[in-house]
PDB file of N, CA and C in Angstrom:
ATOM      1  N   ASP A   1      32.223-111.409 -68.144  1.00  0.00           N
ATOM      2  CA  ASP A   1      31.242-112.475 -69.019  1.00  0.00           C
ATOM      3  C   ASP A   1      29.882-112.385 -67.554  1.00  0.00           C
ATOM      4  N   ASN A   2      28.797-112.576 -67.959  1.00  0.00           N
ATOM      5  CA  ASN A   2      27.822-113.091 -67.970  1.00  0.00           C
ATOM      6  C   ASN A   2      27.178-111.945 -66.641  1.00  0.00           C
ATOM      7  N   ALA A   3      27.768-110.971 -66.442  1.00  0.00           N
ATOM      8  CA  ALA A   3      28.105-109.850 -65.284  1.00  0.00           C
ATOM      9  C   ALA A   3      26.791-109.484 -65.454  1.00  0.00           C
ATOM     10  N   GLU A   4      25.514-109.298 -66.433  1.00  0.00           N
ATOM     11  CA  GLU A   4      23.873-109.272 -66.193  1.00  0.00           C
ATOM     12  C   GLU A   4      23.525-109.985 -65.487  1.00  0.00           C
ATOM     13  N   ASN A   5      23.926-111.151 -65.497  1.00  0.00           N
ATOM     14  CA  ASN A   5      23.305-112.239 -64.271  1.00  0.00           C
ATOM     15  C   ASN A   5      23.981-112.046 -62.543  1.00  0.00           C
ATOM     16  N   MET A   6      25.052-111.226 -63.071  1.00  0.00           N
ATOM     17  CA  MET A   6      25.609-111.409 -61.438  1.00  0.00           C
ATOM     18  C   MET A   6      25.380-110.099 -61.104  1.00  0.00           C
ATOM     19  N   TYR A   7      24.144-109.072 -61.309  1.00  0.00           N
ATOM     20  CA  TYR A   7      24.157-107.823 -60.495  1.00  0.00           C
ATOM     21  C   TYR A   7      24.880-107.088 -61.234  1.00  0.00           C
ATOM     22  N   PHE A   8      25.524-106.886 -61.952  1.00  0.00           N
ATOM     23  CA  PHE A   8      26.971-106.715 -62.433  1.00  0.00           C
ATOM     24  C   PHE A   8      28.334-105.701 -61.416  1.00  0.00           C
ATOM     25  N   PHE A   9      28.022-107.084 -60.654  1.00  0.00           N
ATOM     26  CA  PHE A   9      29.194-106.862 -59.706  1.00  0.00           C
ATOM     27  C   PHE A   9      31.084-107.156 -60.509  1.00  0.00           C
ATOM     28  N   SER A  10      31.552-106.903 -59.749  1.00  0.00           N
ATOM     29  CA  SER A  10      32.593-106.886 -60.275  1.00  0.00           C
ATOM     30  C   SER A  10      33.219-108.657 -59.059  1.00  0.00           C
ATOM     31  N   GLU A  11      34.313-108.721 -60.159  1.00  0.00           N
ATOM     32  CA  GLU A  11      34.633-110.146 -59.698  1.00  0.00           C
ATOM     33  C   GLU A  11      35.326-110.035 -58.028  1.00  0.00           C
ATOM     34  N   LEU A  12      35.753-109.484 -57.418  1.00  0.00           N
ATOM     35  CA  LEU A  12      36.138-108.508 -56.285  1.00  0.00           C
ATOM     36  C   LEU A  12      34.654-108.740 -55.777  1.00  0.00           C
ATOM     37  N   ALA A  13      33.856-107.941 -56.080  1.00  0.00           N
ATOM     38  CA  ALA A  13      32.180-107.912 -55.793  1.00  0.00           C
ATOM     39  C   ALA A  13      32.130-109.533 -55.005  1.00  0.00           C
ATOM     40  N   LEU A  14      31.709-110.256 -55.932  1.00  0.00           N
ATOM     41  CA  LEU A  14      31.673-111.036 -56.235  1.00  0.00           C
ATOM     42  C   LEU A  14      32.283-112.571 -55.322  1.00  0.00           C
ATOM     43  N   THR A  15      33.491-112.119 -55.501  1.00  0.00           N
ATOM     44  CA  THR A  15      33.725-113.413 -54.052  1.00  0.00           C
ATOM     45  C   THR A  15      34.477-112.948 -52.586  1.00  0.00           C
ATOM     46  N   LEU A  16      33.645-111.626 -52.363  1.00  0.00           N
ATOM     47  CA  LEU A  16      33.776-111.629 -51.188  1.00  0.00           C
ATOM     48  C   LEU A  16      33.320-112.120 -50.136  1.00  0.00           C
ATOM     49  N   ASN A  17      32.285-112.794 -50.483  1.00  0.00           N
ATOM     50  CA  ASN A  17      31.528-114.082 -49.880  1.00  0.00           C
ATOM     51  C   ASN A  17      32.256-114.971 -49.250  1.00  0.00           C
ATOM     52  N   GLU A  18      33.324-115.291 -50.285  1.00  0.00           N
ATOM     53  CA  GLU A  18      33.598-116.794 -50.312  1.00  0.00           C
ATOM     54  C   GLU A  18      34.257-117.482 -49.079  1.00  0.00           C
ATOM     55  N   PRO A  19      33.955-118.796 -48.574  1.00  0.00           N
ATOM     56  CA  PRO A  19      34.059-119.008 -47.670  1.00  0.00           C
ATOM     57  C   PRO A  19      35.600-119.786 -47.265  1.00  0.00           C
ATOM     58  N   GLU A  20      36.370-119.517 -46.330  1.00  0.00           N
ATOM     59  CA  GLU A  20      38.097-119.591 -46.482  1.00  0.00           C
ATOM     60  C   GLU A  20      38.090-120.172 -44.823  1.00  0.00           C
ATOM     61  N   GLU A  21      39.089-121.249 -45.122  1.00  0.00           N
ATOM     62  CA  GLU A  21      38.916-121.834 -44.225  1.00  0.00           C
ATOM     63  C   GLU A  21      40.342-121.349 -42.785  1.00  0.00           C
ATOM     64  N   ARG A  22      40.192-121.741 -41.873  1.00  0.00           N
ATOM     65  CA  ARG A  22      40.857-121.315 -40.425  1.00  0.00           C
ATOM     66  C   ARG A  22      40.685-120.408 -40.303  1.00  0.00           C
ATOM     67  N   VAL A  23      39.549-119.658 -40.475  1.00  0.00           N
ATOM     68  CA  VAL A  23      39.234-118.255 -39.818  1.00  0.00           C
ATOM     69  C   VAL A  23      38.096-118.409 -38.359  1.00  0.00           C
ATOM     70  N   ALA A  24      38.084-117.073 -37.836  1.00  0.00           N
ATOM     71  CA  ALA A  24      37.609-116.849 -36.531  1.00  0.00           C
ATOM     72  C   ALA A  24      36.174-117.589 -36.386  1.00  0.00           C
ATOM     73  N   PRO A  25      35.147-118.421 -35.702  1.00  0.00           N
ATOM     74  CA  PRO A  25      34.102-118.549 -35.131  1.00  0.00           C
ATOM     75  C   PRO A  25      33.192-117.701 -35.721  1.00  0.00           C
ATOM     76  N   THR A  26      34.036-116.268 -35.653  1.00  0.00           N
ATOM     77  CA  THR A  26      33.369-115.103 -35.740  1.00  0.00           C
ATOM     78  C   THR A  26      33.250-114.283 -36.842  1.00  0.00           C
ATOM     79  N   ASP A  27      33.483-115.054 -37.910  1.00  0.00           N
ATOM     80  CA  ASP A  27      33.779-114.865 -39.289  1.00  0.00           C
ATOM     81  C   ASP A  27      32.107-113.878 -40.240  1.00  0.00           C
ATOM     82  N   SER A  28      32.093-113.213 -39.922  1.00  0.00           N
ATOM     83  CA  SER A  28      30.879-112.865 -41.124  1.00  0.00           C
ATOM     84  C   SER A  28      30.427-114.048 -41.771  1.00  0.00           C
ATOM     85  N   ARG A  29      31.681-114.454 -42.777  1.00  0.00           N
ATOM     86  CA  ARG A  29      31.566-115.492 -44.254  1.00  0.00           C
ATOM     87  C   ARG A  29      30.994-116.772 -42.724  1.00  0.00           C
ATOM     88  N   LEU A  30      30.767-117.120 -42.135  1.00  0.00           N
ATOM     89  CA  LEU A  30      30.513-118.084 -41.030  1.00  0.00           C
ATOM     90  C   LEU A  30      28.986-117.771 -41.122  1.00  0.00           C
ATOM     91  N   ARG A  31      28.252-117.037 -41.025  1.00  0.00           N
ATOM     92  CA  ARG A  31      26.885-117.502 -40.664  1.00  0.00           C
ATOM     93  C   ARG A  31      25.475-117.802 -41.528  1.00  0.00           C
ATOM     94  N   PRO A  32      25.575-118.814 -40.515  1.00  0.00           N
ATOM     95  CA  PRO A  32      24.933-120.051 -41.452  1.00  0.00           C
ATOM     96  C   PRO A  32      23.418-119.563 -41.947  1.00  0.00           C
ATOM     97  N   ASP A  33      22.635-118.702 -41.815  1.00  0.00           N
ATOM     98  CA  ASP A  33      21.911-118.296 -42.723  1.00  0.00           C
ATOM     99  C   ASP A  33      22.348-117.574 -44.768  1.00  0.00           C
ATOM    100  N   GLN A  34      23.285-116.832 -44.457  1.00  0.00           N
ATOM    101  CA  GLN A  34      24.032-116.134 -45.406  1.00  0.00           C
ATOM    102  C   GLN A  34      24.396-117.919 -46.073  1.00  0.00           C
ATOM    103  N   ARG A  35      25.304-118.774 -45.637  1.00  0.00           N
ATOM    104  CA  ARG A  35      25.308-119.875 -45.827  1.00  0.00           C
ATOM    105  C   ARG A  35      24.564-120.637 -46.594  1.00  0.00           C
ATOM    106  N   LEU A  36      22.738-121.078 -45.851  1.00  0.00           N
ATOM    107  CA  LEU A  36      21.544-121.260 -46.593  1.00  0.00           C
ATOM    108  C   LEU A  36      21.463-120.504 -47.753  1.00  0.00           C
ATOM    109  N   MET A  37      21.684-119.274 -47.831  1.00  0.00           N
ATOM    110  CA  MET A  37      20.731-117.791 -48.584  1.00  0.00           C
ATOM    111  C   MET A  37      21.756-118.642 -50.064  1.00  0.00           C
ATOM    112  N   GLU A  38      22.987-118.644 -49.277  1.00  0.00           N
ATOM    113  CA  GLU A  38      24.114-118.944 -50.884  1.00  0.00           C
ATOM    114  C   GLU A  38      23.640-120.257 -51.468  1.00  0.00           C
ATOM    115  N   SER A  39      23.396-120.984 -51.196  1.00  0.00           N
ATOM    116  CA  SER A  39      23.137-122.169 -51.294  1.00  0.00           C
ATOM    117  C   SER A  39      21.419-122.436 -51.674  1.00  0.00           C
ATOM    118  N   GLY A  40      20.764-121.083 -51.751  1.00  0.00           N
ATOM    119  CA  GLY A  40      19.982-121.323 -52.691  1.00  0.00           C
ATOM    120  C   GLY A  40      18.416-121.798 -51.521  1.00  0.00           C
ATOM    121  N   ARG A  41      18.316-121.777 -50.323  1.00  0.00           N
ATOM    122  CA  ARG A  41      17.995-122.313 -49.566  1.00  0.00           C
ATOM    123  C   ARG A  41      16.984-121.358 -48.751  1.00  0.00           C
ATOM    124  N   TRP A  42      16.233-120.372 -49.336  1.00  0.00           N
ATOM    125  CA  TRP A  42      15.504-119.733 -48.964  1.00  0.00           C
ATOM    126  C   TRP A  42      15.062-119.575 -47.894  1.00  0.00           C
ATOM    127  N   ASP A  43      14.383-120.685 -47.711  1.00  0.00           N
ATOM    128  CA  ASP A  43      13.014-120.722 -46.667  1.00  0.00           C
ATOM    129  C   ASP A  43      13.798-120.782 -45.018  1.00  0.00           C
ATOM    130  N   GLU A  44      14.787-121.704 -45.317  1.00  0.00           N
ATOM    131  CA  GLU A  44      15.723-122.107 -44.145  1.00  0.00           C
ATOM    132  C   GLU A  44      16.113-120.784 -43.476  1.00  0.00           C
ATOM    133  N   ALA A  45      16.980-120.286 -44.633  1.00  0.00           N
ATOM    134  CA  ALA A  45      18.029-118.905 -44.747  1.00  0.00           C
ATOM    135  C   ALA A  45      17.097-118.132 -43.912  1.00  0.00           C
ATOM    136  N   ASN A  46      15.771-117.985 -43.809  1.00  0.00           N
ATOM    137  CA  ASN A  46      14.802-116.522 -43.543  1.00  0.00           C
ATOM    138  C   ASN A  46      14.664-117.203 -41.815  1.00  0.00           C
ATOM    139  N   VAL A  47      14.725-118.673 -41.694  1.00  0.00           N
ATOM    140  CA  VAL A  47      13.761-119.273 -40.154  1.00  0.00           C
ATOM    141  C   VAL A  47      15.672-119.053 -39.507  1.00  0.00           C
ATOM    142  N   GLU A  48      16.708-119.009 -40.002  1.00  0.00           N
ATOM    143  CA  GLU A  48      17.989-119.332 -38.813  1.00  0.00           C
ATOM    144  C   GLU A  48      18.187-118.000 -38.989  1.00  0.00           C
ATOM    145  N   LYS A  49      18.142-116.688 -40.063  1.00  0.00           N
ATOM    146  CA  LYS A  49      17.916-115.325 -40.120  1.00  0.00           C
ATOM    147  C   LYS A  49      17.417-114.832 -38.751  1.00  0.00           C
ATOM    148  N   GLN A  50      16.203-115.785 -38.508  1.00  0.00           N
ATOM    149  CA  GLN A  50      15.286-114.609 -37.355  1.00  0.00           C
ATOM    150  C   GLN A  50      15.468-115.515 -35.743  1.00  0.00           C
ATOM    151  N   ARG A  51      16.429-116.657 -35.880  1.00  0.00           N
ATOM    152  CA  ARG A  51      16.986-117.212 -35.376  1.00  0.00           C
ATOM    153  C   ARG A  51      18.136-116.242 -34.179  1.00  0.00           C
ATOM    154  N   LEU A  52      18.964-116.300 -35.836  1.00  0.00           N
ATOM    155  CA  LEU A  52      20.242-115.560 -34.955  1.00  0.00           C
ATOM    156  C   LEU A  52      19.774-114.058 -34.278  1.00  0.00           C
ATOM    157  N   GLU A  53      18.956-113.423 -35.248  1.00  0.00           N
ATOM    158  CA  GLU A  53      18.484-112.150 -34.702  1.00  0.00           C
ATOM    159  C   GLU A  53      17.768-112.199 -33.034  1.00  0.00           C
ATOM    160  N   GLU A  54      17.061-112.799 -32.712  1.00  0.00           N
ATOM    161  CA  GLU A  54      16.660-113.036 -31.702  1.00  0.00           C
ATOM    162  C   GLU A  54      17.561-113.161 -30.726  1.00  0.00           C
ATOM    163  N   LYS A  55      18.524-114.025 -30.992  1.00  0.00           N
ATOM    164  CA  LYS A  55      19.803-114.572 -30.204  1.00  0.00           C
ATOM    165  C   LYS A  55      20.496-113.260 -30.103  1.00  0.00           C
ATOM    166  N   GLN A  56      20.434-112.235 -31.074  1.00  0.00           N
ATOM    167  CA  GLN A  56      21.623-110.937 -31.050  1.00  0.00           C
ATOM    168  C   GLN A  56      20.472-110.255 -29.775  1.00  0.00           C
ATOM    169  N   ARG A  57      19.523-110.061 -30.154  1.00  0.00           N
ATOM    170  CA  ARG A  57      18.640-109.456 -29.213  1.00  0.00           C
ATOM    171  C   ARG A  57      18.716-109.620 -27.780  1.00  0.00           C
ATOM    172  N   ALA A  58      18.016-111.280 -27.536  1.00  0.00           N
ATOM    173  CA  ALA A  58      18.730-111.496 -26.081  1.00  0.00           C
ATOM    174  C   ALA A  58      19.778-110.638 -25.387  1.00  0.00           C
ATOM    175  N   VAL A  59      21.206-111.154 -26.151  1.00  0.00           N
ATOM    176  CA  VAL A  59      22.614-110.791 -25.563  1.00  0.00           C
ATOM    177  C   VAL A  59      22.505-109.191 -25.388  1.00  0.00           C
ATOM    178  N   ARG A  60      21.318-108.535 -26.131  1.00  0.00           N
ATOM    179  CA  ARG A  60      21.611-107.234 -25.742  1.00  0.00           C
ATOM    180  C   ARG A  60      20.212-106.908 -24.823  1.00  0.00           C
ATOM    181  N   ARG A  61      19.230-107.583 -24.647  1.00  0.00           N
ATOM    182  CA  ARG A  61      18.976-107.520 -23.235  1.00  0.00           C
ATOM    183  C   ARG A  61      19.704-107.636 -22.177  1.00  0.00           C
ATOM    184  N   ARG A  62      20.657-108.765 -21.996  1.00  0.00           N
ATOM    185  CA  ARG A  62      21.603-108.930 -21.289  1.00  0.00           C
ATOM    186  C   ARG A  62      21.896-107.804 -20.444  1.00  0.00           C
ATOM    187  N   ARG A  63      22.870-107.750 -22.071  1.00  0.00           N
ATOM    188  CA  ARG A  63      24.251-106.370 -21.591  1.00  0.00           C
ATOM    189  C   ARG A  63      23.018-105.500 -20.891  1.00  0.00           C
ATOM    190  N   GLU A  64      21.911-105.034 -21.228  1.00  0.00           N
ATOM    191  CA  GLU A  64      21.336-104.051 -20.160  1.00  0.00           C
ATOM    192  C   GLU A  64      21.056-104.120 -19.344  1.00  0.00           C
ATOM    193  N   ALA A  65      20.873-104.961 -19.434  1.00  0.00           N
ATOM    194  CA  ALA A  65      20.404-105.687 -17.205  1.00  0.00           C
ATOM    195  C   ALA A  65      21.690-105.611 -16.549  1.00  0.00           C
ATOM    196  N   GLU A  66      22.733-106.343 -17.043  1.00  0.00           N
ATOM    197  CA  GLU A  66      23.823-105.828 -16.391  1.00  0.00           C
ATOM    198  C   GLU A  66      23.795-104.537 -16.142  1.00  0.00           C
ATOM    199  N   ALA A  67      24.211-103.376 -17.220  1.00  0.00           N
ATOM    200  CA  ALA A  67      24.676-102.540 -17.068  1.00  0.00           C
ATOM    201  C   ALA A  67      23.149-101.652 -15.758  1.00  0.00           C
ATOM    202  N   VAL A  68      22.301-101.848 -16.071  1.00  0.00           N
ATOM    203  CA  VAL A  68      21.456-100.982 -14.469  1.00  0.00           C
ATOM    204  C   VAL A  68      21.994-102.240 -13.839  1.00  0.00           C
ATOM    205  N   GLU A  69      22.044-102.644 -13.188  1.00  0.00           N
ATOM    206  CA  GLU A  69      22.353-103.830 -12.378  1.00  0.00           C
ATOM    207  C   GLU A  69      23.425-103.061 -11.358  1.00  0.00           C
ATOM    208  N   ALA A  70      24.763-103.199 -12.517  1.00  0.00           N
ATOM    209  CA  ALA A  70      26.071-102.360 -12.141  1.00  0.00           C
ATOM    210  C   ALA A  70      25.689-100.786 -12.087  1.00  0.00           C
ATOM    211  N   LEU A  71      24.974-100.139 -12.662  1.00  0.00           N
ATOM    212  CA  LEU A  71      24.462 -98.777 -12.586  1.00  0.00           C
ATOM    213  C   LEU A  71      23.848 -98.385 -10.895  1.00  0.00           C
ATOM    214  N   GLU A  72      23.057 -99.535 -10.471  1.00  0.00           N
ATOM    215  CA  GLU A  72      22.161 -99.548  -9.255  1.00  0.00           C
ATOM    216  C   GLU A  72      23.478-100.099  -7.766  1.00  0.00           C
ATOM    217  N   GLU A  73      23.924-100.660  -8.362  1.00  0.00           N
ATOM    218  CA  GLU A  73      24.948-101.142  -7.315  1.00  0.00           C
ATOM    219  C   GLU A  73      26.266 -99.949  -6.892  1.00  0.00           C
ATOM    220  N   GLY A  74      26.267 -98.899  -7.561  1.00  0.00           N
ATOM    221  CA  GLY A  74      27.401 -98.052  -7.802  1.00  0.00           C
ATOM    222  C   GLY A  74      28.740 -98.679  -8.362  1.00  0.00           C
ATOM    223  N   LYS A  75      28.385 -99.644  -9.655  1.00  0.00           N
ATOM    224  CA  LYS A  75      29.650-100.323  -9.973  1.00  0.00           C
ATOM    225  C   LYS A  75      29.704 -99.802 -12.062  1.00  0.00           C
ATOM    226  N   ASP A  76      30.635 -99.862 -12.151  1.00  0.00           N
ATOM    227  CA  ASP A  76      31.237 -99.551 -13.368  1.00  0.00           C
ATOM    228  C   ASP A  76      31.174-100.533 -14.433  1.00  0.00           C
ATOM    229  N   TYR A  77      30.516-100.284 -15.438  1.00  0.00           N
ATOM    230  CA  TYR A  77      30.559-101.203 -16.539  1.00  0.00           C
ATOM    231  C   TYR A  77      30.564-101.393 -18.254  1.00  0.00           C
ATOM    232  N   GLU A  78      31.930-101.858 -18.394  1.00  0.00           N
ATOM    233  CA  GLU A  78      32.225-101.848 -19.216  1.00  0.00           C
ATOM    234  C   GLU A  78      31.453-102.218 -20.968  1.00  0.00           C
ATOM    235  N   GLY A  79      30.452-102.802 -20.266  1.00  0.00           N
ATOM    236  CA  GLY A  79      29.792-103.576 -22.193  1.00  0.00           C
ATOM    237  C   GLY A  79      30.775-104.229 -22.640  1.00  0.00           C
ATOM    238  N   TYR A  80      30.418-104.319 -23.871  1.00  0.00           N
ATOM    239  CA  TYR A  80      30.937-105.121 -25.607  1.00  0.00           C
ATOM    240  C   TYR A  80      32.508-104.787 -25.728  1.00  0.00           C
ATOM    241  N   LEU A  81      33.203-105.034 -25.769  1.00  0.00           N
ATOM    242  CA  LEU A  81      35.184-104.374 -26.664  1.00  0.00           C
ATOM    243  C   LEU A  81      34.961-105.071 -27.392  1.00  0.00           C
ATOM    244  N   PRO A  82      35.325-105.104 -28.212  1.00  0.00           N
ATOM    245  CA  PRO A  82      35.545-106.115 -29.276  1.00  0.00           C
ATOM    246  C   PRO A  82      36.760-106.587 -28.650  1.00  0.00           C
ATOM    247  N   LEU A  83      37.127-107.515 -30.276  1.00  0.00           N
ATOM    248  CA  LEU A  83      38.010-108.617 -29.158  1.00  0.00           C
ATOM    249  C   LEU A  83      39.220-107.659 -30.255  1.00  0.00           C
ATOM    250  N   TRP A  84      39.208-107.764 -31.207  1.00  0.00           N
ATOM    251  CA  TRP A  84      40.849-106.815 -32.316  1.00  0.00           C
ATOM    252  C   TRP A  84      41.078-105.655 -32.182  1.00  0.00           C
ATOM    253  N   PHE A  85      39.609-105.058 -31.781  1.00  0.00           N
ATOM    254  CA  PHE A  85      40.263-103.624 -32.408  1.00  0.00           C
ATOM    255  C   PHE A  85      40.001-102.889 -30.861  1.00  0.00           C
ATOM    256  N   GLU A  86      39.949-101.648 -31.134  1.00  0.00           N
ATOM    257  CA  GLU A  86      40.063-100.643 -29.593  1.00  0.00           C
ATOM    258  C   GLU A  86      39.887 -98.986 -30.586  1.00  0.00           C
ATOM    259  N   ARG A  87      38.700 -98.052 -29.848  1.00  0.00           N
ATOM    260  CA  ARG A  87      38.451 -96.984 -30.786  1.00  0.00           C
ATOM    261  C   ARG A  87      39.762 -96.328 -29.928  1.00  0.00           C
ATOM    262  N   LYS A  88      39.962 -95.327 -30.833  1.00  0.00           N
ATOM    263  CA  LYS A  88      40.888 -93.836 -30.705  1.00  0.00           C
ATOM    264  C   LYS A  88      40.213 -92.819 -31.389  1.00  0.00           C
ATOM    265  N   VAL A  89      41.088 -91.914 -30.862  1.00  0.00           N
ATOM    266  CA  VAL A  89      40.506 -90.620 -31.667  1.00  0.00           C
ATOM    267  C   VAL A  89      41.709 -90.662 -32.515  1.00  0.00           C
ATOM    268  N   ASP A  90      41.466 -90.434 -33.992  1.00  0.00           N
ATOM    269  CA  ASP A  90      42.513 -90.340 -34.760  1.00  0.00           C
ATOM    270  C   ASP A  90      43.183 -88.502 -34.655  1.00  0.00           C
ATOM    271  N   ALA A  91      44.596 -88.785 -34.436  1.00  0.00           N
ATOM    272  CA  ALA A  91      44.725 -87.402 -33.748  1.00  0.00           C
ATOM    273  C   ALA A  91      45.411 -85.793 -35.266  1.00  0.00           C
ATOM    274  N   VAL A  92      45.426 -86.811 -35.754  1.00  0.00           N
ATOM    275  CA  VAL A  92      44.984 -85.665 -37.444  1.00  0.00           C
ATOM    276  C   VAL A  92      43.560 -85.383 -37.601  1.00  0.00           C
ATOM    277  N   THR A  93      43.075 -86.091 -37.689  1.00  0.00           N
ATOM    278  CA  THR A  93      41.335 -86.038 -37.701  1.00  0.00           C
ATOM    279  C   THR A  93      39.554 -85.205 -36.888  1.00  0.00           C
ATOM    280  N   GLY A  94      41.182 -85.893 -35.530  1.00  0.00           N
ATOM    281  CA  GLY A  94      39.862 -85.770 -34.814  1.00  0.00           C
ATOM    282  C   GLY A  94      38.904 -86.727 -34.289  1.00  0.00           C
ATOM    283  N   GLU A  95      39.014 -87.603 -35.564  1.00  0.00           N
ATOM    284  CA  GLU A  95      37.756 -88.372 -35.540  1.00  0.00           C
ATOM    285  C   GLU A  95      37.417 -89.652 -34.167  1.00  0.00           C
ATOM    286  N   LEU A  96      36.482 -90.451 -34.219  1.00  0.00           N
ATOM    287  CA  LEU A  96      36.998 -91.720 -33.523  1.00  0.00           C
ATOM    288  C   LEU A  96      37.303 -93.183 -34.753  1.00  0.00           C
ATOM    289  N   ILE A  97      38.068 -93.426 -34.276  1.00  0.00           N
ATOM    290  CA  ILE A  97      38.276 -94.980 -35.305  1.00  0.00           C
ATOM    291  C   ILE A  97      38.790 -95.697 -34.802  1.00  0.00           C
ATOM    292  N   CYS A  98      38.461 -96.956 -34.818  1.00  0.00           N
ATOM    293  CA  CYS A  98      38.667 -98.319 -35.366  1.00  0.00           C
ATOM    294  C   CYS A  98      40.080 -98.890 -35.128  1.00  0.00           C
ATOM    295  N   VAL A  99      41.232 -99.337 -34.600  1.00  0.00           N
ATOM    296  CA  VAL A  99      42.620 -99.242 -34.535  1.00  0.00           C
ATOM    297  C   VAL A  99      42.397-100.701 -34.423  1.00  0.00           C
ATOM    298  N   TYR A 100      43.207-101.685 -34.957  1.00  0.00           N
ATOM    299  CA  TYR A 100      43.394-103.072 -34.802  1.00  0.00           C
ATOM    300  C   TYR A 100      44.571-103.121 -33.597  1.00  0.00           C
ATOM    301  N   LYS A 101      44.329-103.910 -32.471  1.00  0.00           N
ATOM    302  CA  LYS A 101      45.605-104.497 -31.310  1.00  0.00           C
ATOM    303  C   LYS A 101      45.744-105.467 -31.100  1.00  0.00           C
ATOM    304  N   GLY A 102      45.977-106.091 -32.022  1.00  0.00           N
ATOM    305  CA  GLY A 102      46.221-107.733 -32.086  1.00  0.00           C
ATOM    306  C   GLY A 102      45.916-108.641 -31.863  1.00  0.00           C
ATOM    307  N   GLY A 103      46.115-110.034 -31.992  1.00  0.00           N
ATOM    308  CA  GLY A 103      46.460-110.906 -31.413  1.00  0.00           C
ATOM    309  C   GLY A 103      44.770-112.227 -32.508  1.00  0.00           C
ATOM    310  N   TYR A 104      44.394-111.216 -33.461  1.00  0.00           N
ATOM    311  CA  TYR A 104      44.027-112.450 -34.872  1.00  0.00           C
ATOM    312  C   TYR A 104      44.652-113.106 -34.944  1.00  0.00           C
ATOM    313  N   TRP A 105      45.839-112.720 -35.901  1.00  0.00           N
ATOM    314  CA  TRP A 105      46.684-113.925 -36.492  1.00  0.00           C
ATOM    315  C   TRP A 105      47.728-114.642 -35.598  1.00  0.00           C
ATOM    316  N   GLU A 106      47.709-114.295 -34.515  1.00  0.00           N
ATOM    317  CA  GLU A 106      48.611-115.426 -33.594  1.00  0.00           C
ATOM    318  C   GLU A 106      47.797-116.135 -33.157  1.00  0.00           C
ATOM    319  N   ALA A 107      45.677-116.209 -33.341  1.00  0.00           N
ATOM    320  CA  ALA A 107      44.828-117.312 -32.347  1.00  0.00           C
ATOM    321  C   ALA A 107      44.779-117.952 -34.039  1.00  0.00           C
ATOM    322  N   LYS A 108      45.172-117.460 -35.397  1.00  0.00           N
ATOM    323  CA  LYS A 108      44.666-117.997 -36.327  1.00  0.00           C
ATOM    324  C   LYS A 108      45.895-119.069 -36.228  1.00  0.00           C
ATOM    325  N   ASP A 109      46.865-118.505 -36.570  1.00  0.00           N
ATOM    326  CA  ASP A 109      48.290-119.557 -35.656  1.00  0.00           C
ATOM    327  C   ASP A 109      47.981-120.307 -35.718  1.00  0.00           C
ATOM    328  N   LYS A 110      47.754-120.398 -34.280  1.00  0.00           N
ATOM    329  CA  LYS A 110      47.691-121.442 -33.225  1.00  0.00           C
ATOM    330  C   LYS A 110      45.807-122.304 -33.446  1.00  0.00           C
ATOM    331  N   GLN A 111      45.145-121.354 -34.245  1.00  0.00           N
ATOM    332  CA  GLN A 111      43.168-121.852 -34.012  1.00  0.00           C
ATOM    333  C   GLN A 111      43.219-122.396 -33.657  1.00  0.00           C
ATOM    334  N   ASP A 112      43.759-120.964 -32.085  1.00  0.00           N
ATOM    335  CA  ASP A 112      42.917-121.135 -30.783  1.00  0.00           C
ATOM    336  C   ASP A 112      41.738-119.436 -30.579  1.00  0.00           C
ATOM    337  N   TRP A 113      40.817-120.031 -30.805  1.00  0.00           N
ATOM    338  CA  TRP A 113      39.322-119.373 -30.808  1.00  0.00           C
ATOM    339  C   TRP A 113      38.938-119.168 -29.623  1.00  0.00           C
ATOM    340  N   SER A 114      39.569-119.656 -28.147  1.00  0.00           N
ATOM    341  CA  SER A 114      38.775-119.729 -27.398  1.00  0.00           C
ATOM    342  C   SER A 114      38.038-118.090 -27.181  1.00  0.00           C
ATOM    343  N   VAL A 115      38.890-117.373 -27.270  1.00  0.00           N
ATOM    344  CA  VAL A 115      37.973-115.983 -26.864  1.00  0.00           C
ATOM    345  C   VAL A 115      37.192-115.467 -27.215  1.00  0.00           C
ATOM    346  N   CYS A 116      36.424-116.235 -28.193  1.00  0.00           N
ATOM    347  CA  CYS A 116      35.791-115.572 -29.735  1.00  0.00           C
ATOM    348  C   CYS A 116      34.455-116.532 -28.465  1.00  0.00           C
ATOM    349  N   PRO A 117      33.135-115.171 -29.000  1.00  0.00           N
ATOM    350  CA  PRO A 117      31.678-115.554 -28.018  1.00  0.00           C
ATOM    351  C   PRO A 117      31.068-116.412 -29.259  1.00  0.00           C
ATOM    352  N   ASP A 118      29.910-117.321 -28.955  1.00  0.00           N
ATOM    353  CA  ASP A 118      29.215-118.440 -29.723  1.00  0.00           C
ATOM    354  C   ASP A 118      28.075-117.285 -30.449  1.00  0.00           C
ATOM    355  N   ILE A 119      28.604-116.529 -31.326  1.00  0.00           N
ATOM    356  CA  ILE A 119      27.218-115.523 -31.757  1.00  0.00           C
ATOM    357  C   ILE A 119      26.598-116.635 -32.674  1.00  0.00           C
ATOM    358  N   PHE A 120      26.706-117.558 -33.601  1.00  0.00           N
ATOM    359  CA  PHE A 120      25.634-117.622 -34.684  1.00  0.00           C
ATOM    360  C   PHE A 120      25.448-119.206 -33.761  1.00  0.00           C
TER     361      PHE A 120
END
């Protein structure tokens, strides 16, 4: 029903961005610009999107500076490491894949998100 007004998305597609309680504070459904946009507050959403993008750029610049500093000091620099996944080579295809390494569901059960960075 009413599919033409919903961009002909399936019911599943329409619900993928629905907020869910008790998720990590890094869950993309919690993006403040996304929430503003979905409530029809376009101008505020655009301002918030710009703020988030600049915050991301600042983090990238900081990591790049840390990498240069480590290189100058002859130290290793790990850079960004995902919390819940690790990259591995698939034994069958030889392609690089992301494999769940654990921790998310335990953190969700405990509601302990202390390891999550402040990305928003």
